[in-house]
Protein backbone atom coordinates (compact mmCIF):
# COMPACT_ATOMS: atom_id res chain seq x y z
CA UNK A 1 27.63 -18.34 -5.62
CA UNK A 2 28.97 -15.52 -3.46
CA UNK A 3 27.46 -12.09 -3.01
CA UNK A 4 29.22 -9.20 -1.20
CA UNK A 5 27.38 -8.24 1.99
CA UNK A 6 29.67 -5.70 3.64
CA UNK A 7 32.81 -3.67 3.01
CA UNK A 8 34.99 -1.96 5.61
CA UNK A 9 38.00 0.29 5.32
CA UNK A 10 40.07 0.04 8.48
CA UNK A 11 42.46 2.78 7.26
CA UNK A 12 45.41 0.76 8.43
CA UNK A 13 47.90 -1.53 6.71
CA UNK A 14 47.54 -5.28 7.22
CA UNK A 15 50.58 -7.55 7.03
CA UNK A 16 50.17 -10.54 4.72
CA UNK A 17 49.71 -14.02 6.25
CA UNK A 18 48.98 -12.49 9.67
CA UNK A 19 45.18 -12.37 9.81
CA UNK A 20 42.80 -14.34 12.04
CA UNK A 21 39.35 -14.10 13.62
CA UNK A 22 38.35 -14.99 17.17
CA UNK A 23 35.47 -14.88 19.65
CA UNK A 24 37.39 -13.55 22.61
CA UNK A 25 34.26 -13.15 24.74
CA UNK A 26 32.82 -16.41 23.41
CA UNK A 27 30.09 -14.63 21.42
CA UNK A 28 31.25 -11.79 19.16
CA UNK A 29 33.73 -12.47 16.33
CA UNK A 30 36.60 -9.98 16.15
CA UNK A 31 38.87 -9.56 13.15
CA UNK A 32 42.50 -9.56 14.28
CA UNK A 33 45.60 -8.79 12.23
CA UNK A 34 49.20 -7.68 12.54
CA UNK A 35 49.93 -4.15 11.47
CA UNK A 36 52.87 -1.78 11.37
CA UNK A 37 54.99 -0.74 14.37
CA UNK A 38 54.94 -4.21 16.00
CA UNK A 39 51.26 -3.98 16.88
CA UNK A 40 48.14 -6.09 16.43
CA UNK A 41 44.70 -4.56 15.98
CA UNK A 42 41.45 -6.13 17.11
CA UNK A 43 38.33 -4.98 15.27
CA UNK A 44 35.29 -5.52 17.49
CA UNK A 45 32.24 -3.87 15.86
CA UNK A 46 29.70 -5.46 18.22
CA UNK A 47 31.22 -4.39 21.54
CA UNK A 48 30.31 -1.19 23.33
CA UNK A 49 33.70 -0.73 25.00
CA UNK A 50 37.28 -0.83 23.76
CA UNK A 51 40.01 -3.01 25.24
CA UNK A 52 42.21 -0.96 27.58
CA UNK A 53 45.09 -1.37 30.04
CA UNK A 54 47.91 -3.90 30.12
CA UNK A 55 49.31 -4.51 26.64
CA UNK A 56 46.63 -2.35 24.98
CA UNK A 57 47.71 0.98 23.50
CA UNK A 58 46.30 4.12 25.05
CA UNK A 59 44.86 5.45 21.78
CA UNK A 60 42.52 3.65 19.39
CA UNK A 61 42.44 3.89 15.60
CA UNK A 62 38.68 4.27 15.48
CA UNK A 63 35.65 3.48 17.59
CA UNK A 64 35.87 -0.24 16.83
CA UNK A 65 39.63 -0.79 16.78
CA UNK A 66 41.96 -1.53 19.67
CA UNK A 67 45.75 -1.84 19.41
CA UNK A 68 47.81 -4.49 21.17
CA UNK A 69 51.51 -3.78 21.74
CA UNK A 70 53.82 -6.73 20.98
CA UNK A 71 57.16 -4.83 20.78
CA UNK A 72 58.56 -7.43 18.37
CA UNK A 73 58.02 -8.09 14.70
CA UNK A 74 54.98 -10.35 14.41
CA UNK A 75 55.53 -13.39 12.17
CA UNK A 76 52.20 -15.23 12.64
CA UNK A 77 48.90 -15.03 14.54
CA UNK A 78 46.10 -17.47 15.35
CA UNK A 79 42.97 -17.45 17.49
CA UNK A 80 41.03 -20.42 18.84
CA UNK A 81 39.74 -22.27 21.91
CA UNK A 82 43.12 -23.10 23.46
CA UNK A 83 41.73 -23.31 27.01
CA UNK A 84 39.62 -26.46 27.48
CA UNK A 85 36.10 -26.15 28.93
CA UNK A 86 35.71 -22.50 27.94
CA UNK A 87 34.08 -20.72 25.00
CA UNK A 88 36.51 -17.82 24.92
CA UNK A 89 39.08 -17.89 22.15
CA UNK A 90 42.72 -17.21 22.95
CA UNK A 91 44.96 -15.05 20.75
CA UNK A 92 48.38 -16.61 20.07
CA UNK A 93 51.12 -14.44 18.57
CA UNK A 94 54.42 -15.69 17.16
CA UNK A 95 57.62 -13.70 16.67
CA UNK A 96 61.13 -14.62 15.57
CA UNK A 97 62.06 -15.71 19.12
CA UNK A 98 58.92 -15.91 21.28
CA UNK A 99 55.35 -17.17 21.51
CA UNK A 100 52.65 -15.25 23.39
CA UNK A 101 49.27 -16.69 24.36
CA UNK A 102 47.00 -13.82 25.33
CA UNK A 103 43.53 -13.85 26.90
CA UNK A 104 42.04 -10.80 25.17
CA UNK A 105 38.85 -10.66 27.22
CA UNK A 106 40.59 -10.79 30.61
CA UNK A 107 43.65 -8.80 29.47
CA UNK A 108 46.12 -11.39 30.78
CA UNK A 109 48.99 -13.46 29.42
CA UNK A 110 48.38 -17.21 29.53
CA UNK A 111 52.06 -17.80 28.83
CA UNK A 112 55.07 -16.22 27.18
CA UNK A 113 57.62 -18.71 25.91
CA UNK A 114 60.97 -18.57 24.18
CA UNK A 115 60.87 -20.36 20.82
CA UNK A 116 64.49 -20.78 19.78
CA UNK A 117 63.61 -22.05 16.29
CA UNK A 118 61.27 -19.13 15.62
CA UNK A 119 57.59 -19.14 14.68
CA UNK A 120 56.96 -19.10 10.93
CA UNK A 121 53.37 -20.37 11.04
CA UNK A 122 50.82 -21.20 13.68
CA UNK A 123 47.48 -22.91 14.28
CA UNK A 124 45.25 -23.98 17.18
CA UNK A 125 43.48 -27.34 17.18
CA UNK A 126 43.30 -30.96 18.30
CA UNK A 127 46.12 -33.22 17.11
CA UNK A 128 45.65 -36.99 17.05
CA UNK A 129 43.94 -38.53 20.06
CA UNK A 130 44.90 -35.72 22.45
CA UNK A 131 41.93 -34.44 24.44
CA UNK A 132 43.37 -30.93 24.91
CA UNK A 133 43.87 -28.43 22.07
CA UNK A 134 47.39 -27.30 21.22
CA UNK A 135 48.94 -24.20 19.72
CA UNK A 136 51.19 -25.79 17.09
CA UNK A 137 54.14 -23.72 15.91
CA UNK A 138 56.25 -24.37 12.81
CA UNK A 139 59.78 -23.02 13.00
CA UNK A 140 63.27 -23.73 11.74
CA UNK A 141 63.15 -27.50 11.02
CA UNK A 142 60.96 -28.09 14.08
CA UNK A 143 57.34 -28.37 15.22
CA UNK A 144 56.18 -27.59 18.75
CA UNK A 145 52.77 -27.89 20.37
CA UNK A 146 51.89 -25.85 23.49
CA UNK A 147 48.87 -26.27 25.76
CA UNK A 148 47.15 -23.40 27.57
CA UNK A 149 49.60 -23.61 30.48
CA UNK A 150 52.66 -23.22 28.28
CA UNK A 151 53.76 -26.86 28.46
CA UNK A 152 54.99 -28.38 25.20
CA UNK A 153 53.73 -31.99 25.09
CA UNK A 154 54.38 -32.15 21.35
CA UNK A 155 57.74 -31.67 19.68
CA UNK A 156 59.28 -33.13 16.55
CA UNK A 157 61.65 -32.21 13.73
CA UNK A 158 61.15 -31.92 10.00
CA UNK A 159 63.42 -31.59 6.97
CA UNK A 160 63.61 -27.82 6.50
CA UNK A 161 62.13 -24.50 7.58
CA UNK A 162 58.40 -24.94 8.08
CA UNK A 163 56.45 -22.49 5.91
CA UNK A 164 52.83 -23.69 6.36
CA UNK A 165 50.80 -26.17 8.42
CA UNK A 166 47.22 -27.43 8.64
CA UNK A 167 45.24 -30.20 10.35
CA UNK A 168 43.40 -32.83 8.32
CA UNK A 169 41.98 -36.34 8.85
CA UNK A 170 44.39 -37.73 6.29
CA UNK A 171 43.51 -41.43 6.56
CA UNK A 172 39.86 -41.42 7.71
CA UNK A 173 40.54 -42.58 11.27
CA UNK A 174 38.59 -39.67 12.85
CA UNK A 175 41.80 -38.14 14.21
CA UNK A 176 43.58 -35.08 12.89
CA UNK A 177 47.00 -35.48 11.30
CA UNK A 178 49.42 -32.60 10.88
CA UNK A 179 50.25 -31.63 7.30
CA UNK A 180 53.47 -29.63 7.03
CA UNK A 181 54.82 -27.67 4.07
CA UNK A 182 58.46 -26.64 4.06
CA UNK A 183 61.01 -24.72 2.02
CA UNK A 184 62.64 -27.91 0.67
CA UNK A 185 59.58 -28.39 -1.63
CA UNK A 186 58.15 -31.25 0.47
CA UNK A 187 54.70 -31.78 2.00
CA UNK A 188 54.89 -34.18 4.96
CA UNK A 189 52.05 -35.74 6.91
CA UNK A 190 52.66 -36.41 10.61
CA UNK A 191 50.65 -38.76 12.79
CA UNK A 192 51.84 -37.44 16.13
CA UNK A 193 55.62 -37.40 15.56
CA UNK A 194 55.79 -40.07 12.83
CA UNK A 195 55.84 -39.23 9.11
CA UNK A 196 53.16 -41.35 7.39
CA UNK A 197 53.26 -39.73 3.93
CA UNK A 198 55.50 -37.41 1.94
CA UNK A 199 54.90 -35.60 -1.36
CA UNK A 200 57.53 -33.63 -3.31
CA UNK A 201 56.55 -30.44 -5.10
CA UNK A 202 58.42 -28.06 -7.40
CA UNK A 203 58.81 -25.03 -5.13
CA UNK A 204 58.60 -23.97 -1.51
CA UNK A 205 55.15 -24.71 -0.04
CA UNK A 206 53.74 -21.36 1.10
CA UNK A 207 50.14 -22.32 1.95
CA UNK A 208 48.06 -25.29 3.11
CA UNK A 209 44.39 -25.59 4.00
CA UNK A 210 41.98 -28.39 4.84
CA UNK A 211 39.09 -28.70 2.39
CA UNK A 212 37.16 -31.87 3.30
CA UNK A 213 37.97 -35.45 4.22
CA UNK A 214 41.32 -36.36 2.67
CA UNK A 215 41.30 -33.32 0.39
CA UNK A 216 43.63 -30.45 1.23
CA UNK A 217 44.78 -27.48 -0.81
CA UNK A 218 48.32 -26.22 -1.26
CA UNK A 219 50.09 -23.19 -2.72
CA UNK A 220 53.68 -22.82 -3.91
CA UNK A 221 56.02 -19.86 -4.12
CA UNK A 222 55.96 -19.96 -7.95
CA UNK A 223 52.21 -19.25 -8.18
CA UNK A 224 50.97 -22.86 -8.28
CA UNK A 225 47.74 -23.81 -6.50
CA UNK A 226 46.35 -27.34 -6.33
CA UNK A 227 44.53 -30.00 -4.33
CA UNK A 228 45.66 -33.36 -3.02
CA UNK A 229 43.40 -36.24 -2.15
CA UNK A 230 45.59 -38.27 0.15
CA UNK A 231 48.94 -38.74 -1.57
CA UNK A 232 47.45 -38.28 -5.06
CA UNK A 233 47.33 -34.82 -6.62
CA UNK A 234 43.84 -34.19 -8.02
CA UNK A 235 44.75 -31.07 -10.03
CA UNK A 236 46.89 -27.97 -10.07
CA UNK A 237 47.05 -24.64 -11.90
CA UNK A 238 49.83 -22.09 -12.25
CA UNK A 239 49.60 -18.30 -12.34
CA UNK A 240 52.08 -15.52 -12.95
CA UNK A 241 50.86 -14.04 -9.65
CA UNK A 242 51.58 -15.44 -6.21
CA UNK A 243 48.93 -17.19 -4.13
CA UNK A 244 48.97 -15.36 -0.80
CA UNK A 245 46.42 -17.35 1.21
CA UNK A 246 44.03 -20.29 1.00
CA UNK A 247 40.77 -21.25 2.67
CA UNK A 248 37.69 -23.38 1.96
CA UNK A 249 34.03 -22.37 1.80
CA UNK A 250 30.85 -23.90 0.37
CA UNK A 251 29.72 -21.18 -2.03
CA UNK A 252 26.99 -23.09 -3.86
CA UNK A 253 25.25 -24.94 -1.02
CA UNK A 254 25.99 -28.44 -2.35
CA UNK A 255 27.72 -29.56 0.86
CA UNK A 256 31.13 -29.69 -0.80
CA UNK A 257 33.46 -26.78 0.01
CA UNK A 258 35.32 -24.97 -2.75
CA UNK A 259 38.96 -23.94 -2.37
CA UNK A 260 39.32 -20.17 -2.06
CA UNK A 261 42.50 -18.39 -3.13
CA UNK A 262 43.67 -14.82 -2.54
CA UNK A 263 46.32 -13.56 -4.96
CA UNK A 264 49.08 -10.96 -4.87
CA UNK A 265 47.36 -8.82 -7.54
CA UNK A 266 44.15 -8.55 -5.48
CA UNK A 267 42.25 -11.26 -7.37
CA UNK A 268 40.13 -13.74 -5.43
CA UNK A 269 38.72 -16.94 -6.87
CA UNK A 270 36.87 -20.09 -5.85
CA UNK A 271 37.60 -23.42 -7.56
CA UNK A 272 35.86 -26.76 -7.63
CA UNK A 273 37.80 -29.09 -5.34
CA UNK A 274 37.46 -32.03 -7.74
CA UNK A 275 38.38 -30.39 -11.05
CA UNK A 276 39.94 -26.99 -10.30
CA UNK A 277 37.34 -25.19 -12.44
CA UNK A 278 36.79 -21.56 -11.47
CA UNK A 279 33.25 -21.11 -10.15
CA UNK A 280 33.61 -17.58 -8.75
CA UNK A 281 36.04 -14.69 -9.06
CA UNK A 282 36.30 -11.07 -7.98
CA UNK A 283 38.94 -8.41 -7.38
CA UNK A 284 40.13 -6.16 -4.59
CA UNK A 285 42.35 -3.17 -5.23
CA UNK A 286 45.40 -4.47 -3.35
CA UNK A 287 47.19 -7.69 -2.47
CA UNK A 288 45.14 -10.13 -0.39
CA UNK A 289 46.59 -10.37 3.13
CA UNK A 290 44.30 -13.06 4.56
CA UNK A 291 41.02 -14.99 4.27
CA UNK A 292 38.93 -15.92 7.32
CA UNK A 293 35.43 -17.22 8.02
CA UNK A 294 32.96 -16.06 10.65
CA UNK A 295 29.48 -14.75 11.38
CA UNK A 296 30.70 -11.17 11.39
CA UNK A 297 27.25 -9.54 11.09
CA UNK A 298 25.70 -11.87 13.71
CA UNK A 299 23.09 -12.89 11.15
CA UNK A 300 23.37 -16.58 11.86
CA UNK A 301 25.25 -17.24 8.59
CA UNK A 302 28.98 -17.71 8.22
CA UNK A 303 30.62 -15.19 5.90
CA UNK A 304 33.82 -15.42 3.91
CA UNK A 305 35.96 -12.40 4.74
CA UNK A 306 38.84 -11.11 2.59
CA UNK A 307 41.40 -8.66 3.96
CA UNK A 308 43.65 -6.59 1.66
CA UNK A 309 47.01 -5.13 2.63
CA UNK A 310 45.66 -1.56 2.40
CA UNK A 311 43.08 -2.22 5.15
CA UNK A 312 40.07 -3.00 2.95
CA UNK A 313 37.86 -5.77 4.34
CA UNK A 314 35.11 -7.34 2.25
CA UNK A 315 32.64 -9.97 3.39
CA UNK A 316 30.80 -12.42 1.12
CA UNK A 317 27.88 -14.72 1.79
CA UNK A 318 26.59 -17.74 -0.10
CA UNK A 319 23.48 -16.75 -2.04
CA UNK A 320 20.04 -18.35 -1.68
CA UNK A 321 18.96 -21.27 -3.88
CA UNK A 322 16.70 -19.02 -5.98
CA UNK A 323 19.46 -16.50 -6.57
CA UNK A 324 21.90 -19.29 -7.42
CA UNK A 325 19.53 -20.63 -10.09
CA UNK A 326 19.24 -17.13 -11.58
CA UNK A 327 23.01 -16.69 -11.69
CA UNK A 328 23.60 -20.21 -13.00
CA UNK A 329 21.13 -19.65 -15.84
CA UNK A 330 22.85 -16.40 -16.83
CA UNK A 331 26.32 -17.96 -16.58
CA UNK A 332 25.18 -20.99 -18.57
CA UNK A 333 23.95 -18.76 -21.41
CA UNK A 334 27.19 -16.80 -21.48
CA UNK A 335 29.34 -19.93 -21.41
CA UNK A 336 27.26 -21.52 -24.20
CA UNK A 337 27.70 -18.44 -26.43
CA UNK A 338 31.44 -18.39 -25.66
CA UNK A 339 31.84 -22.11 -26.46
CA UNK A 340 29.91 -21.79 -29.73
CA UNK A 341 31.98 -18.78 -30.79
CA UNK A 342 35.16 -20.72 -30.05
CA UNK A 343 33.92 -23.71 -32.09
CA UNK A 344 33.02 -21.36 -34.97
CA UNK A 345 36.55 -19.92 -35.00
CA UNK A 346 38.08 -23.39 -34.96
CA UNK A 347 35.88 -24.62 -37.80
CA UNK A 348 36.58 -21.51 -39.91
CA UNK A 349 40.32 -21.98 -39.45
CA UNK A 350 40.04 -25.66 -40.35
CA UNK A 351 37.95 -24.82 -43.43
CA UNK A 352 40.51 -22.28 -44.58
CA UNK A 353 43.31 -24.84 -44.26
CA UNK A 354 41.30 -27.34 -46.34
CA UNK A 355 40.65 -24.69 -49.00
CA UNK A 356 44.33 -23.78 -49.21
CA UNK A 357 45.36 -27.42 -49.48
CA UNK A 358 42.77 -27.99 -52.25
CA UNK A 359 43.95 -24.88 -54.10
CA UNK A 360 47.57 -26.03 -54.01
CA UNK A 361 46.62 -29.52 -55.22
CA UNK A 362 44.44 -28.31 -58.11
CA UNK A 363 46.73 -25.45 -59.10
CA UNK A 364 49.77 -27.60 -59.71
CA UNK A 365 48.91 -31.18 -60.62
CA UNK A 366 52.57 -32.12 -60.84
CA UNK A 367 53.08 -31.46 -57.15
CA UNK A 368 49.64 -32.59 -56.02
CA UNK A 369 49.87 -35.06 -53.20
CA UNK A 370 53.55 -34.29 -52.51
CA UNK A 371 55.06 -32.37 -49.65
CA UNK A 372 55.71 -28.63 -49.62
CA UNK A 373 59.23 -27.51 -50.42
CA UNK A 374 61.40 -24.56 -49.47
CA UNK A 375 59.26 -21.74 -50.91
CA UNK A 376 55.83 -23.21 -50.07
CA UNK A 377 54.30 -21.38 -47.10
CA UNK A 378 51.47 -23.82 -46.40
CA UNK A 379 53.56 -26.37 -44.52
CA UNK A 380 52.38 -29.64 -46.10
CA UNK A 381 54.75 -32.40 -44.97
CA UNK A 382 54.95 -36.11 -45.87
CA UNK A 383 52.41 -38.26 -44.05
CA UNK A 384 55.22 -40.61 -43.01
CA UNK A 385 57.06 -37.90 -41.06
CA UNK A 386 57.99 -39.05 -37.58
CA UNK A 387 59.82 -37.43 -34.66
CA UNK A 388 62.48 -39.54 -32.97
CA UNK A 389 63.74 -38.78 -29.46
CA UNK A 390 66.74 -39.85 -27.43
CA UNK A 391 68.15 -39.25 -23.96
CA UNK A 392 71.90 -39.31 -23.35
CA UNK A 393 74.36 -38.17 -20.71
CA UNK A 394 76.74 -35.50 -21.93
CA UNK A 395 79.83 -35.05 -19.76
CA UNK A 396 80.14 -31.46 -20.96
CA UNK A 397 83.00 -29.33 -22.22
CA UNK A 398 84.81 -26.13 -21.37
CA UNK A 399 81.75 -24.06 -22.35
CA UNK A 400 78.99 -26.19 -20.80
CA UNK A 401 78.90 -28.46 -17.78
CA UNK A 402 77.72 -32.08 -17.58
CA UNK A 403 74.04 -32.45 -18.45
CA UNK A 404 71.27 -34.66 -19.78
CA UNK A 405 70.85 -34.18 -23.52
CA UNK A 406 67.42 -34.54 -25.14
CA UNK A 407 67.81 -35.20 -28.88
CA UNK A 408 64.96 -34.69 -31.35
CA UNK A 409 65.20 -35.63 -35.03
CA UNK A 410 62.77 -35.97 -37.92
CA UNK A 411 62.83 -38.93 -40.30
CA UNK A 412 63.18 -36.82 -43.48
CA UNK A 413 64.39 -33.40 -44.63
CA UNK A 414 61.78 -31.43 -42.70
CA UNK A 415 63.12 -28.98 -40.11
CA UNK A 416 62.33 -28.42 -36.43
CA UNK A 417 61.25 -24.77 -36.13
CA UNK A 418 60.71 -24.65 -32.37
CA UNK A 419 60.40 -26.92 -29.34
CA UNK A 420 58.38 -26.43 -26.15
CA UNK A 421 59.14 -28.58 -23.12
CA UNK A 422 56.91 -28.68 -20.04
CA UNK A 423 58.36 -30.32 -16.92
CA UNK A 424 58.09 -29.95 -13.16
CA UNK A 425 61.02 -28.59 -11.23
CA UNK A 426 63.56 -28.19 -14.05
CA UNK A 427 62.77 -24.77 -15.53
CA UNK A 428 61.71 -21.47 -14.04
CA UNK A 429 58.01 -21.34 -14.75
CA UNK A 430 58.05 -25.10 -15.49
CA UNK A 431 58.36 -24.57 -19.26
CA UNK A 432 61.17 -23.99 -21.73
CA UNK A 433 61.10 -22.82 -25.37
CA UNK A 434 63.88 -23.49 -27.88
CA UNK A 435 63.68 -21.35 -31.02
CA UNK A 436 66.79 -21.75 -33.23
CA UNK A 437 67.98 -18.93 -35.46
CA UNK A 438 67.07 -19.04 -39.14
CA UNK A 439 70.57 -20.12 -40.23
CA UNK A 440 70.67 -22.89 -37.60
CA UNK A 441 67.47 -24.70 -38.58
CA UNK A 442 67.88 -28.41 -39.27
CA UNK A 443 66.10 -31.73 -38.94
CA UNK A 444 67.64 -32.35 -35.50
CA UNK A 445 68.09 -30.43 -32.29
CA UNK A 446 69.84 -31.15 -28.98
CA UNK A 447 68.54 -29.67 -25.71
CA UNK A 448 70.59 -29.69 -22.46
CA UNK A 449 68.77 -30.30 -19.16
CA UNK A 450 69.95 -30.11 -15.55
CA UNK A 451 67.50 -31.92 -13.21
CA UNK A 452 67.95 -30.49 -9.69
CA UNK A 453 66.87 -33.69 -7.90
CA UNK A 454 67.25 -37.42 -8.42
CA UNK A 455 63.59 -38.00 -9.20
CA UNK A 456 61.73 -39.34 -12.26
CA UNK A 457 60.41 -36.38 -14.28
CA UNK A 458 57.91 -36.43 -17.14
CA UNK A 459 58.92 -34.27 -20.12
CA UNK A 460 55.96 -33.12 -22.22
CA UNK A 461 57.45 -32.11 -25.57
CA UNK A 462 55.79 -30.17 -28.41
CA UNK A 463 57.80 -29.74 -31.61
CA UNK A 464 56.85 -27.57 -34.61
CA UNK A 465 57.77 -29.43 -37.83
CA UNK A 466 57.73 -28.05 -41.39
CA UNK A 467 59.98 -26.49 -44.01
CA UNK A 468 62.10 -23.34 -43.86
CA UNK A 469 59.70 -21.32 -46.00
CA UNK A 470 56.56 -22.47 -44.19
CA UNK A 471 54.28 -20.20 -42.25
CA UNK A 472 52.14 -23.04 -40.88
CA UNK A 473 53.77 -25.90 -38.99
CA UNK A 474 52.64 -29.29 -37.76
CA UNK A 475 52.84 -29.81 -33.99
CA UNK A 476 54.17 -33.17 -32.82
CA UNK A 477 53.44 -33.99 -29.18
CA UNK A 478 55.13 -36.69 -27.13
CA UNK A 479 56.11 -37.52 -23.57
CA UNK A 480 59.42 -38.88 -22.33
CA UNK A 481 60.41 -39.63 -18.77
CA UNK A 482 63.76 -38.79 -17.26
CA UNK A 483 64.56 -41.79 -15.05
CA UNK A 484 65.64 -41.46 -11.45
CA UNK A 485 69.40 -40.81 -11.07
CA UNK A 486 69.60 -39.79 -14.74
CA UNK A 487 72.42 -37.33 -13.99
CA UNK A 488 74.80 -40.16 -13.03
CA UNK A 489 77.22 -41.63 -15.60
CA UNK A 490 79.17 -44.86 -15.37
CA UNK A 491 82.87 -44.01 -15.36
CA UNK A 492 85.36 -46.07 -17.32
CA UNK A 493 87.84 -48.08 -15.28
CA UNK A 494 91.35 -46.64 -14.95
CA UNK A 495 94.47 -48.41 -13.82
CA UNK A 496 95.51 -47.46 -10.30
CA UNK A 497 98.17 -44.80 -10.45
CA UNK A 498 100.86 -44.30 -7.88
CA UNK A 499 100.28 -41.07 -5.95
CA UNK A 500 102.89 -38.39 -6.49
CA UNK A 501 102.48 -36.71 -3.10
CA UNK A 502 103.73 -38.14 0.17
CA UNK A 503 104.36 -37.27 3.82
CA UNK A 504 107.64 -38.00 5.58
CA UNK A 505 108.04 -37.81 9.39
CA UNK A 506 109.97 -39.44 12.23
CA UNK A 507 108.53 -41.32 15.21
CA UNK A 508 110.13 -41.37 18.63
CA UNK A 509 108.20 -44.50 19.61
CA UNK A 510 107.66 -47.97 18.25
CA UNK A 511 105.33 -48.18 15.27
CA UNK A 512 103.35 -50.98 16.94
CA UNK A 513 102.46 -48.74 19.88
CA UNK A 514 101.36 -45.88 17.66
CA UNK A 515 99.20 -48.07 15.44
């Protein structure tokens, strides 16, 4: 479990997705983030002197903060050991048109390069079998890797604007592959400049992070967070809030990192990488701007550091084994009481339904064992009731365009009160509810769908079946798959018609020479 160990208020706004941490002198970790007025601040609580001269601003925000002038809108930042054979981290800053590699300790530019495709995201690390680290930049449909001298030994293209990148040993060959998320909903895995795997999601991929081995986490623009193991998705969850940033951290000391998420409403949570179960959660007062890891108190233990957009910084540390046992015991008791209370509610509801059914049967022997009718609110339906489904292509009309039509129909005179459909990539929020008006209720219903891509899609359907006067309804659940290319219809053959339009012109040369 995590326990808060320090809180700072930097009294300065922090731009989301532009937070990093670096040891610019090779020893002391410094929190670094983009702030307003095209500047970057470096928080160095363990240094006795501030950074001055060169790109540094003349005034400081406080005794521990130094300001770095960039003079362009900062789009991404990263810090890491870009120079080989040195312990000092290098700060790399991306803008819409340029990339700056800055040696903070020596107050010098390593290089300043034009990046015509822009810099949307950035990381520093070893790619493939290369012996030198690279600063890898994701831009407009392109990926570039720069060494400490400003050379770009790595360059390749991808399908759309790159929105997130991370490094991961995707196929257990001891070399890092580049995982790229883009705005066309795809996650691509590059081994050097070759795509070795591709996964399609339901929204733009806004975040990626390595967890362990083949596991990596991802976040989408619609509030979805999940984990892949190789090309297989292990789990995913969806929230009404947006996932701002991802990281990984072993909070329980079992050697397996959890995936850490910072949300737009200030919530932070840690989830089990295998199941997605929440094992820790807390809240900050504002949107989470970034999550980094580092030994910020120089205690010999790595802390998990959350930064909020209002300048609040909070550090957490994994608790000791004894404290974890204490907390686990308390959580176990609370979860047991909650589970038992939930089971009690379920059993009471089930008992009440049995009592009502028995009362109806004994109160009117003539109707005992038969289905409820129009004025019976208890919703008893024939045991032979079935729900039939069908998929057809509807070429549309003047009021509605061509679409796939999902047809649902019961096998008797029961009515369909409402239908819920869950599907990836078809609806906003990935779910759709159809609730006909009272005078339109019938035993059948037709639902139009417009799949945006030619991919097979699983439709998880829940239909509420009963009678018009019922208060309780039976829920029928089923799954149908829209096949690939389901939006295409075979056209009937038409006789060739002579065209009505024509072109008439004169040639001053022989036709053979022109042709």
